[in-house]
Amino acid sequence: MGKAITVTGKLADPRHVELDEPVTEMTGPVEVVLRPAPANGPARRSILGLCADLGPAPSAEEIDDTRREMWSKFPRDDVA
């Protein structure tokens, strides 16, 4: 048995592997073992998971009250 080399790439479809770099050291039959690539970075979380520590959202009534309060201080042109 010859020496083993490690290459990386991705599965383009079930019958085709795209390699990151060409393999020129080997010719003839080869044995291919596929392993999932290690995950890079932290695990991904859903939007709901990212906002879970913020508590419940304000109600529509609370939003309306706050909006009314903020706009009450905004100067207005009196149109007759």
PDB file of N, CA and C in Angstrom:
ATOM      1  N   MET A   1       0.852  -1.178   0.000  1.00  0.00           N
ATOM      2  CA  MET A   1       0.000   0.000   0.000  1.00  0.00           C
ATOM      3  C   MET A   1       0.895   1.237   0.000  1.00  0.00           C
ATOM      4  N   GLY A   2       0.533   2.249  -0.801  1.00  0.00           N
ATOM      5  CA  GLY A   2       1.301   3.485  -0.892  1.00  0.00           C
ATOM      6  C   GLY A   2       1.009   4.424   0.250  1.00  0.00           C
ATOM      7  N   LYS A   3       1.632   5.582   0.196  1.00  0.00           N
ATOM      8  CA  LYS A   3       1.416   6.550   1.270  1.00  0.00           C
ATOM      9  C   LYS A   3       0.042   7.199   1.138  1.00  0.00           C
ATOM     10  N   ALA A   4      -0.490   7.626   2.261  1.00  0.00           N
ATOM     11  CA  ALA A   4      -1.797   8.282   2.279  1.00  0.00           C
ATOM     12  C   ALA A   4      -1.586   9.792   2.292  1.00  0.00           C
ATOM     13  N   ILE A   5      -2.447  10.492   1.616  1.00  0.00           N
ATOM     14  CA  ILE A   5      -2.424  11.956   1.664  1.00  0.00           C
ATOM     15  C   ILE A   5      -3.808  12.433   2.073  1.00  0.00           C
ATOM     16  N   THR A   6      -3.870  13.638   2.618  1.00  0.00           N
ATOM     17  CA  THR A   6      -5.139  14.230   3.026  1.00  0.00           C
ATOM     18  C   THR A   6      -5.433  15.414   2.125  1.00  0.00           C
ATOM     19  N   VAL A   7      -6.611  15.433   1.554  1.00  0.00           N
ATOM     20  CA  VAL A   7      -7.042  16.555   0.728  1.00  0.00           C
ATOM     21  C   VAL A   7      -8.365  17.062   1.285  1.00  0.00           C
ATOM     22  N   THR A   8      -8.683  18.307   1.006  1.00  0.00           N
ATOM     23  CA  THR A   8      -9.957  18.873   1.432  1.00  0.00           C
ATOM     24  C   THR A   8     -10.722  19.345   0.213  1.00  0.00           C
ATOM     25  N   GLY A   9     -12.015  19.419   0.363  1.00  0.00           N
ATOM     26  CA  GLY A   9     -12.870  19.857  -0.720  1.00  0.00           C
ATOM     27  C   GLY A   9     -14.310  19.808  -0.280  1.00  0.00           C
ATOM     28  N   LYS A  10     -15.202  19.756  -1.243  1.00  0.00           N
ATOM     29  CA  LYS A  10     -16.624  19.679  -0.916  1.00  0.00           C
ATOM     30  C   LYS A  10     -17.321  18.760  -1.907  1.00  0.00           C
ATOM     31  N   LEU A  11     -18.439  18.217  -1.452  1.00  0.00           N
ATOM     32  CA  LEU A  11     -19.246  17.372  -2.327  1.00  0.00           C
ATOM     33  C   LEU A  11     -20.128  18.276  -3.172  1.00  0.00           C
ATOM     34  N   ALA A  12     -19.927  18.243  -4.474  1.00  0.00           N
ATOM     35  CA  ALA A  12     -20.755  19.037  -5.372  1.00  0.00           C
ATOM     36  C   ALA A  12     -22.087  18.337  -5.608  1.00  0.00           C
ATOM     37  N   ASP A  13     -22.066  17.044  -5.665  1.00  0.00           N
ATOM     38  CA  ASP A  13     -23.253  16.196  -5.737  1.00  0.00           C
ATOM     39  C   ASP A  13     -22.800  14.820  -5.257  1.00  0.00           C
ATOM     40  N   PRO A  14     -23.690  13.853  -5.109  1.00  0.00           N
ATOM     41  CA  PRO A  14     -23.287  12.563  -4.534  1.00  0.00           C
ATOM     42  C   PRO A  14     -22.188  11.821  -5.297  1.00  0.00           C
ATOM     43  N   ARG A  15     -21.952  12.166  -6.546  1.00  0.00           N
ATOM     44  CA  ARG A  15     -20.948  11.425  -7.322  1.00  0.00           C
ATOM     45  C   ARG A  15     -19.756  12.286  -7.716  1.00  0.00           C
ATOM     46  N   HIS A  16     -19.626  13.492  -7.172  1.00  0.00           N
ATOM     47  CA  HIS A  16     -18.555  14.389  -7.604  1.00  0.00           C
ATOM     48  C   HIS A  16     -17.985  15.136  -6.404  1.00  0.00           C
ATOM     49  N   VAL A  17     -16.668  15.083  -6.236  1.00  0.00           N
ATOM     50  CA  VAL A  17     -15.982  15.793  -5.154  1.00  0.00           C
ATOM     51  C   VAL A  17     -15.116  16.880  -5.779  1.00  0.00           C
ATOM     52  N   GLU A  18     -15.274  18.109  -5.299  1.00  0.00           N
ATOM     53  CA  GLU A  18     -14.422  19.213  -5.750  1.00  0.00           C
ATOM     54  C   GLU A  18     -13.309  19.398  -4.730  1.00  0.00           C
ATOM     55  N   LEU A  19     -12.055  19.212  -5.177  1.00  0.00           N
ATOM     56  CA  LEU A  19     -10.917  19.343  -4.284  1.00  0.00           C
ATOM     57  C   LEU A  19     -10.431  20.782  -4.257  1.00  0.00           C
ATOM     58  N   ASP A  20      -9.929  21.205  -3.093  1.00  0.00           N
ATOM     59  CA  ASP A  20      -9.395  22.558  -2.979  1.00  0.00           C
ATOM     60  C   ASP A  20      -8.115  22.726  -3.794  1.00  0.00           C
ATOM     61  N   GLU A  21      -7.298  21.657  -3.874  1.00  0.00           N
ATOM     62  CA  GLU A  21      -6.073  21.684  -4.665  1.00  0.00           C
ATOM     63  C   GLU A  21      -5.985  20.386  -5.464  1.00  0.00           C
ATOM     64  N   PRO A  22      -5.375  20.425  -6.642  1.00  0.00           N
ATOM     65  CA  PRO A  22      -5.256  19.190  -7.416  1.00  0.00           C
ATOM     66  C   PRO A  22      -4.291  18.204  -6.746  1.00  0.00           C
ATOM     67  N   VAL A  23      -4.541  16.920  -6.935  1.00  0.00           N
ATOM     68  CA  VAL A  23      -3.671  15.872  -6.411  1.00  0.00           C
ATOM     69  C   VAL A  23      -2.837  15.360  -7.577  1.00  0.00           C
ATOM     70  N   THR A  24      -1.542  15.619  -7.543  1.00  0.00           N
ATOM     71  CA  THR A  24      -0.677  15.210  -8.658  1.00  0.00           C
ATOM     72  C   THR A  24       0.297  14.108  -8.271  1.00  0.00           C
ATOM     73  N   GLU A  25       0.379  13.768  -6.955  1.00  0.00           N
ATOM     74  CA  GLU A  25       1.349  12.766  -6.513  1.00  0.00           C
ATOM     75  C   GLU A  25       0.877  11.337  -6.741  1.00  0.00           C
ATOM     76  N   MET A  26      -0.385  11.113  -7.063  1.00  0.00           N
ATOM     77  CA  MET A  26      -0.920   9.761  -7.165  1.00  0.00           C
ATOM     78  C   MET A  26      -1.541   9.517  -8.531  1.00  0.00           C
ATOM     79  N   THR A  27      -1.410   8.305  -8.975  1.00  0.00           N
ATOM     80  CA  THR A  27      -2.155   7.845 -10.139  1.00  0.00           C
ATOM     81  C   THR A  27      -2.622   6.432  -9.827  1.00  0.00           C
ATOM     82  N   GLY A  28      -3.634   5.975 -10.493  1.00  0.00           N
ATOM     83  CA  GLY A  28      -4.146   4.634 -10.262  1.00  0.00           C
ATOM     84  C   GLY A  28      -5.287   4.635  -9.269  1.00  0.00           C
ATOM     85  N   PRO A  29      -5.715   3.457  -8.852  1.00  0.00           N
ATOM     86  CA  PRO A  29      -6.855   3.349  -7.943  1.00  0.00           C
ATOM     87  C   PRO A  29      -6.526   3.931  -6.569  1.00  0.00           C
ATOM     88  N   VAL A  30      -7.533   4.533  -5.963  1.00  0.00           N
ATOM     89  CA  VAL A  30      -7.385   5.106  -4.620  1.00  0.00           C
ATOM     90  C   VAL A  30      -8.594   4.714  -3.782  1.00  0.00           C
ATOM     91  N   GLU A  31      -8.418   4.763  -2.480  1.00  0.00           N
ATOM     92  CA  GLU A  31      -9.519   4.568  -1.542  1.00  0.00           C
ATOM     93  C   GLU A  31      -9.859   5.938  -0.985  1.00  0.00           C
ATOM     94  N   VAL A  32     -11.139   6.280  -1.017  1.00  0.00           N
ATOM     95  CA  VAL A  32     -11.580   7.592  -0.549  1.00  0.00           C
ATOM     96  C   VAL A  32     -12.420   7.413   0.706  1.00  0.00           C
ATOM     97  N   VAL A  33     -12.054   8.142   1.762  1.00  0.00           N
ATOM     98  CA  VAL A  33     -12.810   8.144   3.010  1.00  0.00           C
ATOM     99  C   VAL A  33     -13.280   9.577   3.234  1.00  0.00           C
ATOM    100  N   LEU A  34     -14.597   9.763   3.331  1.00  0.00           N
ATOM    101  CA  LEU A  34     -15.142  11.107   3.511  1.00  0.00           C
ATOM    102  C   LEU A  34     -15.467  11.348   4.975  1.00  0.00           C
ATOM    103  N   ARG A  35     -15.063  12.499   5.476  1.00  0.00           N
ATOM    104  CA  ARG A  35     -15.373  12.925   6.842  1.00  0.00           C
ATOM    105  C   ARG A  35     -15.913  14.335   6.768  1.00  0.00           C
ATOM    106  N   PRO A  36     -16.883  14.688   7.618  1.00  0.00           N
ATOM    107  CA  PRO A  36     -17.346  16.075   7.635  1.00  0.00           C
ATOM    108  C   PRO A  36     -16.221  16.991   8.122  1.00  0.00           C
ATOM    109  N   ALA A  37     -16.160  18.151   7.554  1.00  0.00           N
ATOM    110  CA  ALA A  37     -15.152  19.128   7.974  1.00  0.00           C
ATOM    111  C   ALA A  37     -15.476  19.608   9.382  1.00  0.00           C
ATOM    112  N   PRO A  38     -14.459  19.910  10.192  1.00  0.00           N
ATOM    113  CA  PRO A  38     -14.731  20.433  11.533  1.00  0.00           C
ATOM    114  C   PRO A  38     -15.407  21.793  11.433  1.00  0.00           C
ATOM    115  N   ALA A  39     -16.292  22.043  12.357  1.00  0.00           N
ATOM    116  CA  ALA A  39     -17.002  23.330  12.366  1.00  0.00           C
ATOM    117  C   ALA A  39     -16.026  24.434  12.732  1.00  0.00           C
ATOM    118  N   ASN A  40     -16.108  25.529  12.025  1.00  0.00           N
ATOM    119  CA  ASN A  40     -15.266  26.684  12.321  1.00  0.00           C
ATOM    120  C   ASN A  40     -16.053  27.683  13.142  1.00  0.00           C
ATOM    121  N   GLY A  41     -15.485  28.135  14.234  1.00  0.00           N
ATOM    122  CA  GLY A  41     -16.131  29.154  15.054  1.00  0.00           C
ATOM    123  C   GLY A  41     -17.164  28.554  15.989  1.00  0.00           C
ATOM    124  N   PRO A  42     -17.826  29.426  16.722  1.00  0.00           N
ATOM    125  CA  PRO A  42     -18.821  28.959  17.685  1.00  0.00           C
ATOM    126  C   PRO A  42     -20.060  28.420  16.987  1.00  0.00           C
ATOM    127  N   ALA A  43     -20.797  27.612  17.699  1.00  0.00           N
ATOM    128  CA  ALA A  43     -22.036  27.064  17.152  1.00  0.00           C
ATOM    129  C   ALA A  43     -23.007  28.202  16.857  1.00  0.00           C
ATOM    130  N   ARG A  44     -23.773  28.054  15.801  1.00  0.00           N
ATOM    131  CA  ARG A  44     -24.730  29.097  15.429  1.00  0.00           C
ATOM    132  C   ARG A  44     -25.989  28.968  16.263  1.00  0.00           C
ATOM    133  N   ARG A  45     -26.558  30.116  16.641  1.00  0.00           N
ATOM    134  CA  ARG A  45     -27.786  30.130  17.422  1.00  0.00           C
ATOM    135  C   ARG A  45     -28.869  30.840  16.617  1.00  0.00           C
ATOM    136  N   SER A  46     -30.095  30.472  16.875  1.00  0.00           N
ATOM    137  CA  SER A  46     -31.205  31.102  16.173  1.00  0.00           C
ATOM    138  C   SER A  46     -31.401  32.526  16.694  1.00  0.00           C
ATOM    139  N   ILE A  47     -32.152  33.326  15.959  1.00  0.00           N
ATOM    140  CA  ILE A  47     -32.454  34.697  16.387  1.00  0.00           C
ATOM    141  C   ILE A  47     -33.179  34.684  17.727  1.00  0.00           C
ATOM    142  N   LEU A  48     -34.122  33.765  17.897  1.00  0.00           N
ATOM    143  CA  LEU A  48     -34.830  33.679  19.176  1.00  0.00           C
ATOM    144  C   LEU A  48     -33.864  33.335  20.303  1.00  0.00           C
ATOM    145  N   GLY A  49     -32.905  32.465  20.034  1.00  0.00           N
ATOM    146  CA  GLY A  49     -31.917  32.116  21.045  1.00  0.00           C
ATOM    147  C   GLY A  49     -31.024  33.285  21.408  1.00  0.00           C
ATOM    148  N   LEU A  50     -30.676  34.110  20.417  1.00  0.00           N
ATOM    149  CA  LEU A  50     -29.838  35.275  20.679  1.00  0.00           C
ATOM    150  C   LEU A  50     -30.563  36.320  21.520  1.00  0.00           C
ATOM    151  N   CYS A  51     -31.880  36.404  21.398  1.00  0.00           N
ATOM    152  CA  CYS A  51     -32.668  37.417  22.106  1.00  0.00           C
ATOM    153  C   CYS A  51     -33.316  36.881  23.381  1.00  0.00           C
ATOM    154  N   ALA A  52     -33.067  35.634  23.730  1.00  0.00           N
ATOM    155  CA  ALA A  52     -33.758  35.005  24.864  1.00  0.00           C
ATOM    156  C   ALA A  52     -33.506  35.735  26.180  1.00  0.00           C
ATOM    157  N   ASP A  53     -32.313  36.297  26.363  1.00  0.00           N
ATOM    158  CA  ASP A  53     -31.992  36.947  27.622  1.00  0.00           C
ATOM    159  C   ASP A  53     -32.594  38.354  27.734  1.00  0.00           C
ATOM    160  N   LEU A  54     -33.254  38.845  26.706  1.00  0.00           N
ATOM    161  CA  LEU A  54     -33.825  40.198  26.728  1.00  0.00           C
ATOM    162  C   LEU A  54     -35.194  40.247  27.387  1.00  0.00           C
ATOM    163  N   GLY A  55     -35.791  39.117  27.624  1.00  0.00           N
ATOM    164  CA  GLY A  55     -37.101  39.086  28.262  1.00  0.00           C
ATOM    165  C   GLY A  55     -38.215  39.264  27.247  1.00  0.00           C
ATOM    166  N   PRO A  56     -39.439  39.419  27.742  1.00  0.00           N
ATOM    167  CA  PRO A  56     -40.579  39.534  26.828  1.00  0.00           C
ATOM    168  C   PRO A  56     -40.559  40.873  26.083  1.00  0.00           C
ATOM    169  N   ALA A  57     -41.124  40.867  24.896  1.00  0.00           N
ATOM    170  CA  ALA A  57     -41.205  42.082  24.088  1.00  0.00           C
ATOM    171  C   ALA A  57     -42.272  43.009  24.663  1.00  0.00           C
ATOM    172  N   PRO A  58     -42.128  44.328  24.440  1.00  0.00           N
ATOM    173  CA  PRO A  58     -43.173  45.240  24.912  1.00  0.00           C
ATOM    174  C   PRO A  58     -44.472  45.017  24.148  1.00  0.00           C
ATOM    175  N   SER A  59     -45.575  45.282  24.818  1.00  0.00           N
ATOM    176  CA  SER A  59     -46.875  45.106  24.174  1.00  0.00           C
ATOM    177  C   SER A  59     -47.123  46.261  23.205  1.00  0.00           C
ATOM    178  N   ALA A  60     -48.113  46.110  22.358  1.00  0.00           N
ATOM    179  CA  ALA A  60     -48.474  47.171  21.415  1.00  0.00           C
ATOM    180  C   ALA A  60     -48.902  48.424  22.173  1.00  0.00           C
ATOM    181  N   GLU A  61     -49.590  48.247  23.292  1.00  0.00           N
ATOM    182  CA  GLU A  61     -50.028  49.393  24.095  1.00  0.00           C
ATOM    183  C   GLU A  61     -48.823  50.135  24.683  1.00  0.00           C
ATOM    184  N   GLU A  62     -47.823  49.412  25.166  1.00  0.00           N
ATOM    185  CA  GLU A  62     -46.615  50.053  25.702  1.00  0.00           C
ATOM    186  C   GLU A  62     -45.867  50.808  24.609  1.00  0.00           C
ATOM    187  N   ILE A  63     -45.807  50.239  23.414  1.00  0.00           N
ATOM    188  CA  ILE A  63     -45.147  50.919  22.291  1.00  0.00           C
ATOM    189  C   ILE A  63     -45.900  52.186  21.940  1.00  0.00           C
ATOM    190  N   ASP A  64     -47.236  52.125  21.861  1.00  0.00           N
ATOM    191  CA  ASP A  64     -48.042  53.308  21.546  1.00  0.00           C
ATOM    192  C   ASP A  64     -47.862  54.395  22.597  1.00  0.00           C
ATOM    193  N   ASP A  65     -47.859  54.017  23.892  1.00  0.00           N
ATOM    194  CA  ASP A  65     -47.683  54.998  24.963  1.00  0.00           C
ATOM    195  C   ASP A  65     -46.321  55.675  24.872  1.00  0.00           C
ATOM    196  N   THR A  66     -45.280  54.900  24.632  1.00  0.00           N
ATOM    197  CA  THR A  66     -43.935  55.461  24.515  1.00  0.00           C
ATOM    198  C   THR A  66     -43.830  56.363  23.299  1.00  0.00           C
ATOM    199  N   ARG A  67     -44.399  55.946  22.181  1.00  0.00           N
ATOM    200  CA  ARG A  67     -44.374  56.764  20.964  1.00  0.00           C
ATOM    201  C   ARG A  67     -45.111  58.080  21.199  1.00  0.00           C
ATOM    202  N   ARG A  68     -46.268  58.032  21.842  1.00  0.00           N
ATOM    203  CA  ARG A  68     -47.048  59.239  22.140  1.00  0.00           C
ATOM    204  C   ARG A  68     -46.246  60.192  23.040  1.00  0.00           C
ATOM    205  N   GLU A  69     -45.590  59.623  24.058  1.00  0.00           N
ATOM    206  CA  GLU A  69     -44.795  60.422  24.979  1.00  0.00           C
ATOM    207  C   GLU A  69     -43.623  61.095  24.259  1.00  0.00           C
ATOM    208  N   MET A  70     -42.918  60.350  23.405  1.00  0.00           N
ATOM    209  CA  MET A  70     -41.760  60.905  22.687  1.00  0.00           C
ATOM    210  C   MET A  70     -42.180  61.991  21.694  1.00  0.00           C
ATOM    211  N   TRP A  71     -43.254  61.780  20.959  1.00  0.00           N
ATOM    212  CA  TRP A  71     -43.699  62.760  19.977  1.00  0.00           C
ATOM    213  C   TRP A  71     -44.359  63.978  20.632  1.00  0.00           C
ATOM    214  N   SER A  72     -44.789  63.867  21.891  1.00  0.00           N
ATOM    215  CA  SER A  72     -45.420  65.022  22.552  1.00  0.00           C
ATOM    216  C   SER A  72     -44.427  66.152  22.760  1.00  0.00           C
ATOM    217  N   LYS A  73     -43.138  65.858  22.802  1.00  0.00           N
ATOM    218  CA  LYS A  73     -42.099  66.875  23.015  1.00  0.00           C
ATOM    219  C   LYS A  73     -41.571  67.441  21.699  1.00  0.00           C
ATOM    220  N   PHE A  74     -42.028  66.895  20.579  1.00  0.00           N
ATOM    221  CA  PHE A  74     -41.529  67.325  19.278  1.00  0.00           C
ATOM    222  C   PHE A  74     -42.285  68.591  18.856  1.00  0.00           C
ATOM    223  N   PRO A  75     -41.558  69.674  18.470  1.00  0.00           N
ATOM    224  CA  PRO A  75     -42.259  70.909  18.079  1.00  0.00           C
ATOM    225  C   PRO A  75     -43.111  70.697  16.823  1.00  0.00           C
ATOM    226  N   ARG A  76     -44.277  71.337  16.801  1.00  0.00           N
ATOM    227  CA  ARG A  76     -45.196  71.203  15.675  1.00  0.00           C
ATOM    228  C   ARG A  76     -45.553  72.568  15.113  1.00  0.00           C
ATOM    229  N   ASP A  77     -45.796  72.588  13.818  1.00  0.00           N
ATOM    230  CA  ASP A  77     -46.320  73.796  13.198  1.00  0.00           C
ATOM    231  C   ASP A  77     -47.828  73.739  13.274  1.00  0.00           C
ATOM    232  N   ASP A  78     -48.401  74.758  13.844  1.00  0.00           N
ATOM    233  CA  ASP A  78     -49.872  74.800  13.909  1.00  0.00           C
ATOM    234  C   ASP A  78     -50.396  75.206  12.543  1.00  0.00           C
ATOM    235  N   VAL A  79     -51.149  74.320  11.942  1.00  0.00           N
ATOM    236  CA  VAL A  79     -51.729  74.564  10.625  1.00  0.00           C
ATOM    237  C   VAL A  79     -53.218  74.874  10.866  1.00  0.00           C
ATOM    238  N   ALA A  80     -53.634  76.035  10.402  1.00  0.00           N
ATOM    239  CA  ALA A  80     -55.040  76.423  10.607  1.00  0.00           C
ATOM    240  C   ALA A  80     -55.868  76.130   9.410  1.00  0.00           C
TER     241      ALA A  80
END
